[in-house]
Amino acid sequence: MILEYINGASAGVIAIWATWCVLSGKVRDGVIGKIIYATIALSGYAILARADRGFFTPSMAGTTLYVTLAMAGARHIFIVMYWQRVKAWLCRALNCEHCLKDCRFGPGGIERRKR
């Protein structure tokens, strides 16, 4: 019973991620990529909408696949939406040698706070 809930939640996250990839202008994967994401989204929604669970019985391998694909989708959303801001914050907070020399977020990039 728990595997069914995990499968359903993972299929939902995968479907939402793929829909976001199709609709977002930040994801630039071309027409073929958008078609692939649309297919993933439609198959995820089909899994969620299906009433019979006869040949879609959850197994550990299937659950692992869905969970890892859902985690990859969440990571993809984070990288596209938030990583540049997190990277800039890290460079400002760490004040490391790399950031002082080469980093575009360093002294010539984003303004640093004076202490």
PDB file of N, CA and C in Angstrom:
ATOM      1  N   MET A   1       0.814  -1.193   0.000  1.00  0.00           N
ATOM      2  CA  MET A   1       0.000   0.000   0.000  1.00  0.00           C
ATOM      3  C   MET A   1       0.860   1.260   0.000  1.00  0.00           C
ATOM      4  N   ILE A   2       1.945   1.245   0.742  1.00  0.00           N
ATOM      5  CA  ILE A   2       2.821   2.411   0.795  1.00  0.00           C
ATOM      6  C   ILE A   2       3.484   2.628  -0.561  1.00  0.00           C
ATOM      7  N   LEU A   3       3.862   1.537  -1.246  1.00  0.00           N
ATOM      8  CA  LEU A   3       4.483   1.680  -2.560  1.00  0.00           C
ATOM      9  C   LEU A   3       3.529   2.329  -3.559  1.00  0.00           C
ATOM     10  N   GLU A   4       2.240   2.076  -3.439  1.00  0.00           N
ATOM     11  CA  GLU A   4       1.279   2.709  -4.337  1.00  0.00           C
ATOM     12  C   GLU A   4       1.237   4.213  -4.118  1.00  0.00           C
ATOM     13  N   TYR A   5       1.295   4.650  -2.867  1.00  0.00           N
ATOM     14  CA  TYR A   5       1.319   6.083  -2.583  1.00  0.00           C
ATOM     15  C   TYR A   5       2.607   6.725  -3.088  1.00  0.00           C
ATOM     16  N   ILE A   6       3.720   6.044  -2.896  1.00  0.00           N
ATOM     17  CA  ILE A   6       4.998   6.570  -3.386  1.00  0.00           C
ATOM     18  C   ILE A   6       4.994   6.635  -4.904  1.00  0.00           C
ATOM     19  N   ASN A   7       4.476   5.594  -5.561  1.00  0.00           N
ATOM     20  CA  ASN A   7       4.377   5.605  -7.021  1.00  0.00           C
ATOM     21  C   ASN A   7       3.495   6.752  -7.501  1.00  0.00           C
ATOM     22  N   GLY A   8       2.359   6.935  -6.860  1.00  0.00           N
ATOM     23  CA  GLY A   8       1.453   8.009  -7.264  1.00  0.00           C
ATOM     24  C   GLY A   8       2.064   9.386  -7.080  1.00  0.00           C
ATOM     25  N   ALA A   9       2.706   9.602  -5.936  1.00  0.00           N
ATOM     26  CA  ALA A   9       3.343  10.898  -5.682  1.00  0.00           C
ATOM     27  C   ALA A   9       4.484  11.146  -6.667  1.00  0.00           C
ATOM     28  N   SER A  10       5.269  10.112  -6.933  1.00  0.00           N
ATOM     29  CA  SER A  10       6.386  10.268  -7.870  1.00  0.00           C
ATOM     30  C   SER A  10       5.887  10.537  -9.282  1.00  0.00           C
ATOM     31  N   ALA A  11       4.843   9.823  -9.709  1.00  0.00           N
ATOM     32  CA  ALA A  11       4.282  10.064 -11.032  1.00  0.00           C
ATOM     33  C   ALA A  11       3.715  11.482 -11.123  1.00  0.00           C
ATOM     34  N   GLY A  12       3.141  11.977 -10.039  1.00  0.00           N
ATOM     35  CA  GLY A  12       2.638  13.348 -10.030  1.00  0.00           C
ATOM     36  C   GLY A  12       3.745  14.374 -10.147  1.00  0.00           C
ATOM     37  N   VAL A  13       4.839  14.176  -9.413  1.00  0.00           N
ATOM     38  CA  VAL A  13       5.975  15.103  -9.496  1.00  0.00           C
ATOM     39  C   VAL A  13       6.583  15.073 -10.891  1.00  0.00           C
ATOM     40  N   ILE A  14       6.713  13.879 -11.457  1.00  0.00           N
ATOM     41  CA  ILE A  14       7.265  13.757 -12.806  1.00  0.00           C
ATOM     42  C   ILE A  14       6.364  14.468 -13.816  1.00  0.00           C
ATOM     43  N   ALA A  15       5.059  14.305 -13.694  1.00  0.00           N
ATOM     44  CA  ALA A  15       4.127  14.950 -14.620  1.00  0.00           C
ATOM     45  C   ALA A  15       4.173  16.472 -14.475  1.00  0.00           C
ATOM     46  N   ILE A  16       4.249  16.964 -13.247  1.00  0.00           N
ATOM     47  CA  ILE A  16       4.322  18.413 -13.027  1.00  0.00           C
ATOM     48  C   ILE A  16       5.630  18.970 -13.579  1.00  0.00           C
ATOM     49  N   TRP A  17       6.737  18.254 -13.327  1.00  0.00           N
ATOM     50  CA  TRP A  17       8.032  18.692 -13.838  1.00  0.00           C
ATOM     51  C   TRP A  17       8.032  18.757 -15.365  1.00  0.00           C
ATOM     52  N   ALA A  18       7.531  17.716 -16.006  1.00  0.00           N
ATOM     53  CA  ALA A  18       7.529  17.688 -17.464  1.00  0.00           C
ATOM     54  C   ALA A  18       6.622  18.778 -18.032  1.00  0.00           C
ATOM     55  N   THR A  19       5.492  19.033 -17.383  1.00  0.00           N
ATOM     56  CA  THR A  19       4.613  20.108 -17.819  1.00  0.00           C
ATOM     57  C   THR A  19       5.309  21.452 -17.688  1.00  0.00           C
ATOM     58  N   TRP A  20       6.014  21.650 -16.582  1.00  0.00           N
ATOM     59  CA  TRP A  20       6.768  22.894 -16.385  1.00  0.00           C
ATOM     60  C   TRP A  20       7.833  23.056 -17.470  1.00  0.00           C
ATOM     61  N   CYS A  21       8.504  21.954 -17.833  1.00  0.00           N
ATOM     62  CA  CYS A  21       9.534  22.011 -18.876  1.00  0.00           C
ATOM     63  C   CYS A  21       8.932  22.406 -20.221  1.00  0.00           C
ATOM     64  N   VAL A  22       7.726  21.940 -20.502  1.00  0.00           N
ATOM     65  CA  VAL A  22       7.085  22.277 -21.775  1.00  0.00           C
ATOM     66  C   VAL A  22       6.661  23.740 -21.779  1.00  0.00           C
ATOM     67  N   LEU A  23       6.107  24.223 -20.675  1.00  0.00           N
ATOM     68  CA  LEU A  23       5.522  25.562 -20.650  1.00  0.00           C
ATOM     69  C   LEU A  23       6.510  26.673 -20.317  1.00  0.00           C
ATOM     70  N   SER A  24       7.619  26.347 -19.689  1.00  0.00           N
ATOM     71  CA  SER A  24       8.563  27.371 -19.242  1.00  0.00           C
ATOM     72  C   SER A  24       9.444  27.856 -20.385  1.00  0.00           C
ATOM     73  N   GLY A  25       9.667  29.128 -20.413  1.00  0.00           N
ATOM     74  CA  GLY A  25      10.588  29.695 -21.390  1.00  0.00           C
ATOM     75  C   GLY A  25      12.037  29.556 -20.965  1.00  0.00           C
ATOM     76  N   LYS A  26      12.266  29.205 -19.708  1.00  0.00           N
ATOM     77  CA  LYS A  26      13.630  29.060 -19.211  1.00  0.00           C
ATOM     78  C   LYS A  26      14.281  27.755 -19.659  1.00  0.00           C
ATOM     79  N   VAL A  27      13.467  26.775 -20.029  1.00  0.00           N
ATOM     80  CA  VAL A  27      13.986  25.490 -20.493  1.00  0.00           C
ATOM     81  C   VAL A  27      14.104  25.570 -22.010  1.00  0.00           C
ATOM     82  N   ARG A  28      15.335  25.582 -22.487  1.00  0.00           N
ATOM     83  CA  ARG A  28      15.582  25.730 -23.928  1.00  0.00           C
ATOM     84  C   ARG A  28      16.158  24.435 -24.473  1.00  0.00           C
ATOM     85  N   ASP A  29      15.297  23.463 -24.679  1.00  0.00           N
ATOM     86  CA  ASP A  29      15.728  22.165 -25.185  1.00  0.00           C
ATOM     87  C   ASP A  29      15.275  21.919 -26.616  1.00  0.00           C
ATOM     88  N   GLY A  30      14.726  22.909 -27.275  1.00  0.00           N
ATOM     89  CA  GLY A  30      14.312  22.757 -28.662  1.00  0.00           C
ATOM     90  C   GLY A  30      12.972  22.056 -28.795  1.00  0.00           C
ATOM     91  N   VAL A  31      12.567  21.882 -30.022  1.00  0.00           N
ATOM     92  CA  VAL A  31      11.271  21.291 -30.306  1.00  0.00           C
ATOM     93  C   VAL A  31      11.242  19.818 -29.889  1.00  0.00           C
ATOM     94  N   ILE A  32      12.298  19.088 -30.200  1.00  0.00           N
ATOM     95  CA  ILE A  32      12.347  17.667 -29.850  1.00  0.00           C
ATOM     96  C   ILE A  32      12.291  17.501 -28.333  1.00  0.00           C
ATOM     97  N   GLY A  33      13.018  18.333 -27.595  1.00  0.00           N
ATOM     98  CA  GLY A  33      12.979  18.264 -26.130  1.00  0.00           C
ATOM     99  C   GLY A  33      11.590  18.557 -25.591  1.00  0.00           C
ATOM    100  N   LYS A  34      10.926  19.558 -26.169  1.00  0.00           N
ATOM    101  CA  LYS A  34       9.566  19.884 -25.725  1.00  0.00           C
ATOM    102  C   LYS A  34       8.608  18.728 -26.007  1.00  0.00           C
ATOM    103  N   ILE A  35       8.786  18.045 -27.143  1.00  0.00           N
ATOM    104  CA  ILE A  35       7.934  16.893 -27.463  1.00  0.00           C
ATOM    105  C   ILE A  35       8.193  15.759 -26.471  1.00  0.00           C
ATOM    106  N   ILE A  36       9.460  15.551 -26.133  1.00  0.00           N
ATOM    107  CA  ILE A  36       9.794  14.510 -25.149  1.00  0.00           C
ATOM    108  C   ILE A  36       9.175  14.840 -23.795  1.00  0.00           C
ATOM    109  N   TYR A  37       9.308  16.091 -23.352  1.00  0.00           N
ATOM    110  CA  TYR A  37       8.719  16.484 -22.070  1.00  0.00           C
ATOM    111  C   TYR A  37       7.200  16.358 -22.101  1.00  0.00           C
ATOM    112  N   ALA A  38       6.582  16.710 -23.230  1.00  0.00           N
ATOM    113  CA  ALA A  38       5.120  16.585 -23.339  1.00  0.00           C
ATOM    114  C   ALA A  38       4.696  15.124 -23.254  1.00  0.00           C
ATOM    115  N   THR A  39       5.471  14.233 -23.860  1.00  0.00           N
ATOM    116  CA  THR A  39       5.159  12.807 -23.773  1.00  0.00           C
ATOM    117  C   THR A  39       5.296  12.302 -22.347  1.00  0.00           C
ATOM    118  N   ILE A  40       6.345  12.726 -21.661  1.00  0.00           N
ATOM    119  CA  ILE A  40       6.524  12.341 -20.252  1.00  0.00           C
ATOM    120  C   ILE A  40       5.353  12.859 -19.419  1.00  0.00           C
ATOM    121  N   ALA A  41       4.951  14.106 -19.654  1.00  0.00           N
ATOM    122  CA  ALA A  41       3.847  14.685 -18.881  1.00  0.00           C
ATOM    123  C   ALA A  41       2.547  13.931 -19.127  1.00  0.00           C
ATOM    124  N   LEU A  42       2.254  13.642 -20.375  1.00  0.00           N
ATOM    125  CA  LEU A  42       1.016  12.924 -20.691  1.00  0.00           C
ATOM    126  C   LEU A  42       1.022  11.517 -20.097  1.00  0.00           C
ATOM    127  N   SER A  43       2.162  10.846 -20.140  1.00  0.00           N
ATOM    128  CA  SER A  43       2.204   9.500 -19.559  1.00  0.00           C
ATOM    129  C   SER A  43       2.090   9.553 -18.036  1.00  0.00           C
ATOM    130  N   GLY A  44       2.662  10.568 -17.411  1.00  0.00           N
ATOM    131  CA  GLY A  44       2.513  10.719 -15.958  1.00  0.00           C
ATOM    132  C   GLY A  44       1.074  10.976 -15.557  1.00  0.00           C
ATOM    133  N   TYR A  45       0.392  11.844 -16.310  1.00  0.00           N
ATOM    134  CA  TYR A  45      -1.014  12.101 -16.012  1.00  0.00           C
ATOM    135  C   TYR A  45      -1.884  10.879 -16.303  1.00  0.00           C
ATOM    136  N   ALA A  46      -1.514  10.102 -17.310  1.00  0.00           N
ATOM    137  CA  ALA A  46      -2.270   8.880 -17.612  1.00  0.00           C
ATOM    138  C   ALA A  46      -2.125   7.864 -16.482  1.00  0.00           C
ATOM    139  N   ILE A  47      -0.935   7.771 -15.902  1.00  0.00           N
ATOM    140  CA  ILE A  47      -0.730   6.866 -14.763  1.00  0.00           C
ATOM    141  C   ILE A  47      -1.593   7.308 -13.579  1.00  0.00           C
ATOM    142  N   LEU A  48      -1.659   8.611 -13.350  1.00  0.00           N
ATOM    143  CA  LEU A  48      -2.458   9.114 -12.225  1.00  0.00           C
ATOM    144  C   LEU A  48      -3.956   8.951 -12.464  1.00  0.00           C
ATOM    145  N   ALA A  49      -4.400   9.062 -13.703  1.00  0.00           N
ATOM    146  CA  ALA A  49      -5.832   9.028 -13.994  1.00  0.00           C
ATOM    147  C   ALA A  49      -6.383   7.619 -14.158  1.00  0.00           C
ATOM    148  N   ARG A  50      -5.529   6.635 -14.310  1.00  0.00           N
ATOM    149  CA  ARG A  50      -5.984   5.267 -14.534  1.00  0.00           C
ATOM    150  C   ARG A  50      -6.643   4.707 -13.276  1.00  0.00           C
ATOM    151  N   ALA A  51      -7.791   4.080 -13.451  1.00  0.00           N
ATOM    152  CA  ALA A  51      -8.521   3.528 -12.310  1.00  0.00           C
ATOM    153  C   ALA A  51      -8.058   2.109 -11.972  1.00  0.00           C
ATOM    154  N   ASP A  52      -7.721   1.344 -12.980  1.00  0.00           N
ATOM    155  CA  ASP A  52      -7.310  -0.038 -12.704  1.00  0.00           C
ATOM    156  C   ASP A  52      -5.814  -0.083 -12.398  1.00  0.00           C
ATOM    157  N   ARG A  53      -5.484  -0.903 -11.454  1.00  0.00           N
ATOM    158  CA  ARG A  53      -4.091  -1.046 -11.051  1.00  0.00           C
ATOM    159  C   ARG A  53      -3.576  -2.448 -11.381  1.00  0.00           C
ATOM    160  N   GLY A  54      -4.224  -3.115 -12.344  1.00  0.00           N
ATOM    161  CA  GLY A  54      -3.903  -4.499 -12.640  1.00  0.00           C
ATOM    162  C   GLY A  54      -2.488  -4.726 -13.119  1.00  0.00           C
ATOM    163  N   PHE A  55      -2.105  -4.074 -14.204  1.00  0.00           N
ATOM    164  CA  PHE A  55      -0.765  -4.308 -14.714  1.00  0.00           C
ATOM    165  C   PHE A  55       0.201  -3.209 -14.309  1.00  0.00           C
ATOM    166  N   PHE A  56      -0.236  -2.290 -13.471  1.00  0.00           N
ATOM    167  CA  PHE A  56       0.655  -1.268 -12.926  1.00  0.00           C
ATOM    168  C   PHE A  56       0.819  -1.513 -11.430  1.00  0.00           C
ATOM    169  N   THR A  57       1.239  -2.697 -11.091  1.00  0.00           N
ATOM    170  CA  THR A  57       1.466  -2.992  -9.686  1.00  0.00           C
ATOM    171  C   THR A  57       2.831  -2.457  -9.290  1.00  0.00           C
ATOM    172  N   PRO A  58       2.913  -1.787  -8.169  1.00  0.00           N
ATOM    173  CA  PRO A  58       4.193  -1.212  -7.765  1.00  0.00           C
ATOM    174  C   PRO A  58       5.179  -2.288  -7.338  1.00  0.00           C
ATOM    175  N   SER A  59       6.384  -2.139  -7.780  1.00  0.00           N
ATOM    176  CA  SER A  59       7.471  -3.001  -7.344  1.00  0.00           C
ATOM    177  C   SER A  59       8.601  -2.104  -6.846  1.00  0.00           C
ATOM    178  N   MET A  60       9.560  -2.680  -6.193  1.00  0.00           N
ATOM    179  CA  MET A  60      10.671  -1.875  -5.683  1.00  0.00           C
ATOM    180  C   MET A  60      11.461  -1.245  -6.823  1.00  0.00           C
ATOM    181  N   ALA A  61      11.658  -1.979  -7.908  1.00  0.00           N
ATOM    182  CA  ALA A  61      12.406  -1.434  -9.039  1.00  0.00           C
ATOM    183  C   ALA A  61      11.648  -0.279  -9.685  1.00  0.00           C
ATOM    184  N   GLY A  62      10.340  -0.451  -9.870  1.00  0.00           N
ATOM    185  CA  GLY A  62       9.536   0.606 -10.463  1.00  0.00           C
ATOM    186  C   GLY A  62       9.468   1.839  -9.579  1.00  0.00           C
ATOM    187  N   THR A  63       9.296   1.610  -8.303  1.00  0.00           N
ATOM    188  CA  THR A  63       9.257   2.727  -7.359  1.00  0.00           C
ATOM    189  C   THR A  63      10.584   3.466  -7.343  1.00  0.00           C
ATOM    190  N   THR A  64      11.675   2.736  -7.371  1.00  0.00           N
ATOM    191  CA  THR A  64      12.996   3.372  -7.404  1.00  0.00           C
ATOM    192  C   THR A  64      13.156   4.210  -8.666  1.00  0.00           C
ATOM    193  N   LEU A  65      12.709   3.683  -9.795  1.00  0.00           N
ATOM    194  CA  LEU A  65      12.777   4.438 -11.044  1.00  0.00           C
ATOM    195  C   LEU A  65      11.980   5.722 -10.953  1.00  0.00           C
ATOM    196  N   TYR A  66      10.754   5.628 -10.470  1.00  0.00           N
ATOM    197  CA  TYR A  66       9.912   6.821 -10.385  1.00  0.00           C
ATOM    198  C   TYR A  66      10.471   7.853  -9.417  1.00  0.00           C
ATOM    199  N   VAL A  67      10.957   7.391  -8.268  1.00  0.00           N
ATOM    200  CA  VAL A  67      11.483   8.325  -7.270  1.00  0.00           C
ATOM    201  C   VAL A  67      12.739   9.017  -7.800  1.00  0.00           C
ATOM    202  N   THR A  68      13.632   8.277  -8.424  1.00  0.00           N
ATOM    203  CA  THR A  68      14.849   8.912  -8.928  1.00  0.00           C
ATOM    204  C   THR A  68      14.558   9.840 -10.093  1.00  0.00           C
ATOM    205  N   LEU A  69      13.606   9.498 -10.945  1.00  0.00           N
ATOM    206  CA  LEU A  69      13.225  10.403 -12.031  1.00  0.00           C
ATOM    207  C   LEU A  69      12.560  11.662 -11.478  1.00  0.00           C
ATOM    208  N   ALA A  70      11.755  11.512 -10.437  1.00  0.00           N
ATOM    209  CA  ALA A  70      11.148  12.675  -9.794  1.00  0.00           C
ATOM    210  C   ALA A  70      12.211  13.556  -9.141  1.00  0.00           C
ATOM    211  N   MET A  71      13.220  12.955  -8.522  1.00  0.00           N
ATOM    212  CA  MET A  71      14.305  13.733  -7.927  1.00  0.00           C
ATOM    213  C   MET A  71      15.119  14.459  -8.994  1.00  0.00           C
ATOM    214  N   ALA A  72      15.318  13.809 -10.142  1.00  0.00           N
ATOM    215  CA  ALA A  72      16.019  14.470 -11.243  1.00  0.00           C
ATOM    216  C   ALA A  72      15.219  15.674 -11.743  1.00  0.00           C
ATOM    217  N   GLY A  73      13.914  15.531 -11.790  1.00  0.00           N
ATOM    218  CA  GLY A  73      13.070  16.653 -12.193  1.00  0.00           C
ATOM    219  C   GLY A  73      13.132  17.804 -11.208  1.00  0.00           C
ATOM    220  N   ALA A  74      13.098  17.489  -9.920  1.00  0.00           N
ATOM    221  CA  ALA A  74      13.200  18.538  -8.901  1.00  0.00           C
ATOM    222  C   ALA A  74      14.556  19.234  -8.977  1.00  0.00           C
ATOM    223  N   ARG A  75      15.621  18.460  -9.200  1.00  0.00           N
ATOM    224  CA  ARG A  75      16.960  19.045  -9.338  1.00  0.00           C
ATOM    225  C   ARG A  75      17.022  19.934 -10.578  1.00  0.00           C
ATOM    226  N   HIS A  76      16.407  19.506 -11.672  1.00  0.00           N
ATOM    227  CA  HIS A  76      16.403  20.292 -12.898  1.00  0.00           C
ATOM    228  C   HIS A  76      15.705  21.629 -12.691  1.00  0.00           C
ATOM    229  N   ILE A  77      14.578  21.609 -11.997  1.00  0.00           N
ATOM    230  CA  ILE A  77      13.866  22.853 -11.700  1.00  0.00           C
ATOM    231  C   ILE A  77      14.738  23.768 -10.843  1.00  0.00           C
ATOM    232  N   PHE A  78      15.407  23.208  -9.821  1.00  0.00           N
ATOM    233  CA  PHE A  78      16.264  24.012  -8.956  1.00  0.00           C
ATOM    234  C   PHE A  78      17.412  24.628  -9.746  1.00  0.00           C
ATOM    235  N   ILE A  79      18.058  23.852 -10.597  1.00  0.00           N
ATOM    236  CA  ILE A  79      19.200  24.358 -11.359  1.00  0.00           C
ATOM    237  C   ILE A  79      18.772  25.475 -12.304  1.00  0.00           C
ATOM    238  N   VAL A  80      17.642  25.311 -12.966  1.00  0.00           N
ATOM    239  CA  VAL A  80      17.194  26.320 -13.918  1.00  0.00           C
ATOM    240  C   VAL A  80      16.722  27.581 -13.200  1.00  0.00           C
ATOM    241  N   MET A  81      15.999  27.417 -12.099  1.00  0.00           N
ATOM    242  CA  MET A  81      15.358  28.572 -11.465  1.00  0.00           C
ATOM    243  C   MET A  81      16.241  29.284 -10.431  1.00  0.00           C
ATOM    244  N   TYR A  82      16.967  28.546  -9.610  1.00  0.00           N
ATOM    245  CA  TYR A  82      17.578  29.153  -8.434  1.00  0.00           C
ATOM    246  C   TYR A  82      19.092  29.047  -8.356  1.00  0.00           C
ATOM    247  N   TRP A  83      19.766  28.243  -9.153  1.00  0.00           N
ATOM    248  CA  TRP A  83      21.176  27.963  -8.941  1.00  0.00           C
ATOM    249  C   TRP A  83      22.054  29.202  -9.091  1.00  0.00           C
ATOM    250  N   GLN A  84      21.775  30.076 -10.045  1.00  0.00           N
ATOM    251  CA  GLN A  84      22.619  31.256 -10.224  1.00  0.00           C
ATOM    252  C   GLN A  84      22.574  32.163  -8.984  1.00  0.00           C
ATOM    253  N   ARG A  85      21.403  32.312  -8.384  1.00  0.00           N
ATOM    254  CA  ARG A  85      21.303  33.131  -7.173  1.00  0.00           C
ATOM    255  C   ARG A  85      21.989  32.460  -5.995  1.00  0.00           C
ATOM    256  N   VAL A  86      21.849  31.140  -5.879  1.00  0.00           N
ATOM    257  CA  VAL A  86      22.512  30.411  -4.794  1.00  0.00           C
ATOM    258  C   VAL A  86      24.027  30.476  -4.973  1.00  0.00           C
ATOM    259  N   LYS A  87      24.494  30.330  -6.198  1.00  0.00           N
ATOM    260  CA  LYS A  87      25.927  30.406  -6.471  1.00  0.00           C
ATOM    261  C   LYS A  87      26.478  31.793  -6.132  1.00  0.00           C
ATOM    262  N   ALA A  88      25.741  32.836  -6.494  1.00  0.00           N
ATOM    263  CA  ALA A  88      26.174  34.192  -6.158  1.00  0.00           C
ATOM    264  C   ALA A  88      26.218  34.389  -4.647  1.00  0.00           C
ATOM    265  N   TRP A  89      25.211  33.868  -3.949  1.00  0.00           N
ATOM    266  CA  TRP A  89      25.201  33.981  -2.482  1.00  0.00           C
ATOM    267  C   TRP A  89      26.379  33.241  -1.872  1.00  0.00           C
ATOM    268  N   LEU A  90      26.668  32.034  -2.381  1.00  0.00           N
ATOM    269  CA  LEU A  90      27.800  31.264  -1.868  1.00  0.00           C
ATOM    270  C   LEU A  90      29.114  32.000  -2.080  1.00  0.00           C
ATOM    271  N   CYS A  91      29.288  32.589  -3.243  1.00  0.00           N
ATOM    272  CA  CYS A  91      30.526  33.332  -3.514  1.00  0.00           C
ATOM    273  C   CYS A  91      30.666  34.529  -2.584  1.00  0.00           C
ATOM    274  N   ARG A  92      29.560  35.207  -2.324  1.00  0.00           N
ATOM    275  CA  ARG A  92      29.622  36.346  -1.398  1.00  0.00           C
ATOM    276  C   ARG A  92      29.868  35.893   0.023  1.00  0.00           C
ATOM    277  N   ALA A  93      29.232  34.800   0.429  1.00  0.00           N
ATOM    278  CA  ALA A  93      29.326  34.341   1.817  1.00  0.00           C
ATOM    279  C   ALA A  93      30.681  33.707   2.119  1.00  0.00           C
ATOM    280  N   LEU A  94      31.231  32.955   1.181  1.00  0.00           N
ATOM    281  CA  LEU A  94      32.478  32.238   1.443  1.00  0.00           C
ATOM    282  C   LEU A  94      33.709  33.111   1.316  1.00  0.00           C
ATOM    283  N   ASN A  95      33.663  34.095   0.415  1.00  0.00           N
ATOM    284  CA  ASN A  95      34.804  34.977   0.221  1.00  0.00           C
ATOM    285  C   ASN A  95      36.069  34.175  -0.062  1.00  0.00           C
ATOM    286  N   CYS A  96      35.953  33.136  -0.859  1.00  0.00           N
ATOM    287  CA  CYS A  96      37.085  32.236  -1.100  1.00  0.00           C
ATOM    288  C   CYS A  96      38.044  32.827  -2.131  1.00  0.00           C
ATOM    289  N   GLU A  97      39.197  32.209  -2.256  1.00  0.00           N
ATOM    290  CA  GLU A  97      40.239  32.676  -3.161  1.00  0.00           C
ATOM    291  C   GLU A  97      39.774  32.653  -4.615  1.00  0.00           C
ATOM    292  N   HIS A  98      39.063  31.591  -4.993  1.00  0.00           N
ATOM    293  CA  HIS A  98      38.549  31.496  -6.365  1.00  0.00           C
ATOM    294  C   HIS A  98      37.606  32.657  -6.667  1.00  0.00           C
ATOM    295  N   CYS A  99      36.755  32.982  -5.706  1.00  0.00           N
ATOM    296  CA  CYS A  99      35.776  34.046  -5.933  1.00  0.00           C
ATOM    297  C   CYS A  99      36.445  35.410  -6.029  1.00  0.00           C
ATOM    298  N   LEU A 100      37.529  35.575  -5.329  1.00  0.00           N
ATOM    299  CA  LEU A 100      38.213  36.866  -5.379  1.00  0.00           C
ATOM    300  C   LEU A 100      38.976  37.059  -6.689  1.00  0.00           C
ATOM    301  N   LYS A 101      39.410  35.951  -7.333  1.00  0.00           N
ATOM    302  CA  LYS A 101      40.193  36.062  -8.567  1.00  0.00           C
ATOM    303  C   LYS A 101      39.333  35.956  -9.822  1.00  0.00           C
ATOM    304  N   ASP A 102      38.710  34.781 -10.032  1.00  0.00           N
ATOM    305  CA  ASP A 102      38.143  34.454 -11.328  1.00  0.00           C
ATOM    306  C   ASP A 102      36.635  34.555 -11.417  1.00  0.00           C
ATOM    307  N   CYS A 103      35.954  34.485 -10.320  1.00  0.00           N
ATOM    308  CA  CYS A 103      34.510  34.327 -10.346  1.00  0.00           C
ATOM    309  C   CYS A 103      33.832  35.585 -10.866  1.00  0.00           C
ATOM    310  N   ARG A 104      32.846  35.381 -11.739  1.00  0.00           N
ATOM    311  CA  ARG A 104      32.123  36.541 -12.257  1.00  0.00           C
ATOM    312  C   ARG A 104      31.219  37.155 -11.198  1.00  0.00           C
ATOM    313  N   PHE A 105      31.014  36.441 -10.099  1.00  0.00           N
ATOM    314  CA  PHE A 105      30.220  36.985  -9.001  1.00  0.00           C
ATOM    315  C   PHE A 105      31.099  37.694  -7.984  1.00  0.00           C
ATOM    316  N   GLY A 106      32.389  37.733  -8.242  1.00  0.00           N
ATOM    317  CA  GLY A 106      33.346  38.326  -7.306  1.00  0.00           C
ATOM    318  C   GLY A 106      33.275  39.841  -7.320  1.00  0.00           C
ATOM    319  N   PRO A 107      34.398  40.497  -7.015  1.00  0.00           N
ATOM    320  CA  PRO A 107      34.409  41.954  -6.876  1.00  0.00           C
ATOM    321  C   PRO A 107      33.921  42.705  -8.117  1.00  0.00           C
ATOM    322  N   GLY A 108      34.191  42.187  -9.307  1.00  0.00           N
ATOM    323  CA  GLY A 108      33.736  42.876 -10.504  1.00  0.00           C
ATOM    324  C   GLY A 108      32.306  42.521 -10.881  1.00  0.00           C
ATOM    325  N   GLY A 109      31.767  41.459 -10.310  1.00  0.00           N
ATOM    326  CA  GLY A 109      30.431  40.991 -10.665  1.00  0.00           C
ATOM    327  C   GLY A 109      29.375  41.618  -9.784  1.00  0.00           C
ATOM    328  N   ILE A 110      28.756  40.821  -8.959  1.00  0.00           N
ATOM    329  CA  ILE A 110      27.702  41.294  -8.078  1.00  0.00           C
ATOM    330  C   ILE A 110      28.328  42.074  -6.919  1.00  0.00           C
ATOM    331  N   GLU A 111      27.686  43.157  -6.564  1.00  0.00           N
ATOM    332  CA  GLU A 111      28.203  44.000  -5.490  1.00  0.00           C
ATOM    333  C   GLU A 111      28.270  43.255  -4.177  1.00  0.00           C
ATOM    334  N   ARG A 112      29.409  43.326  -3.491  1.00  0.00           N
ATOM    335  CA  ARG A 112      29.572  42.685  -2.198  1.00  0.00           C
ATOM    336  C   ARG A 112      29.320  43.700  -1.085  1.00  0.00           C
ATOM    337  N   ARG A 113      28.873  43.203   0.050  1.00  0.00           N
ATOM    338  CA  ARG A 113      28.664  44.088   1.197  1.00  0.00           C
ATOM    339  C   ARG A 113      29.990  44.396   1.861  1.00  0.00           C
ATOM    340  N   LYS A 114      30.128  45.608   2.293  1.00  0.00           N
ATOM    341  CA  LYS A 114      31.334  46.027   3.030  1.00  0.00           C
ATOM    342  C   LYS A 114      31.138  45.668   4.495  1.00  0.00           C
ATOM    343  N   ARG A 115      32.191  45.130   5.103  1.00  0.00           N
ATOM    344  CA  ARG A 115      32.091  44.784   6.524  1.00  0.00           C
ATOM    345  C   ARG A 115      32.763  45.816   7.368  1.00  0.00           C
TER     346      ARG A 115
END
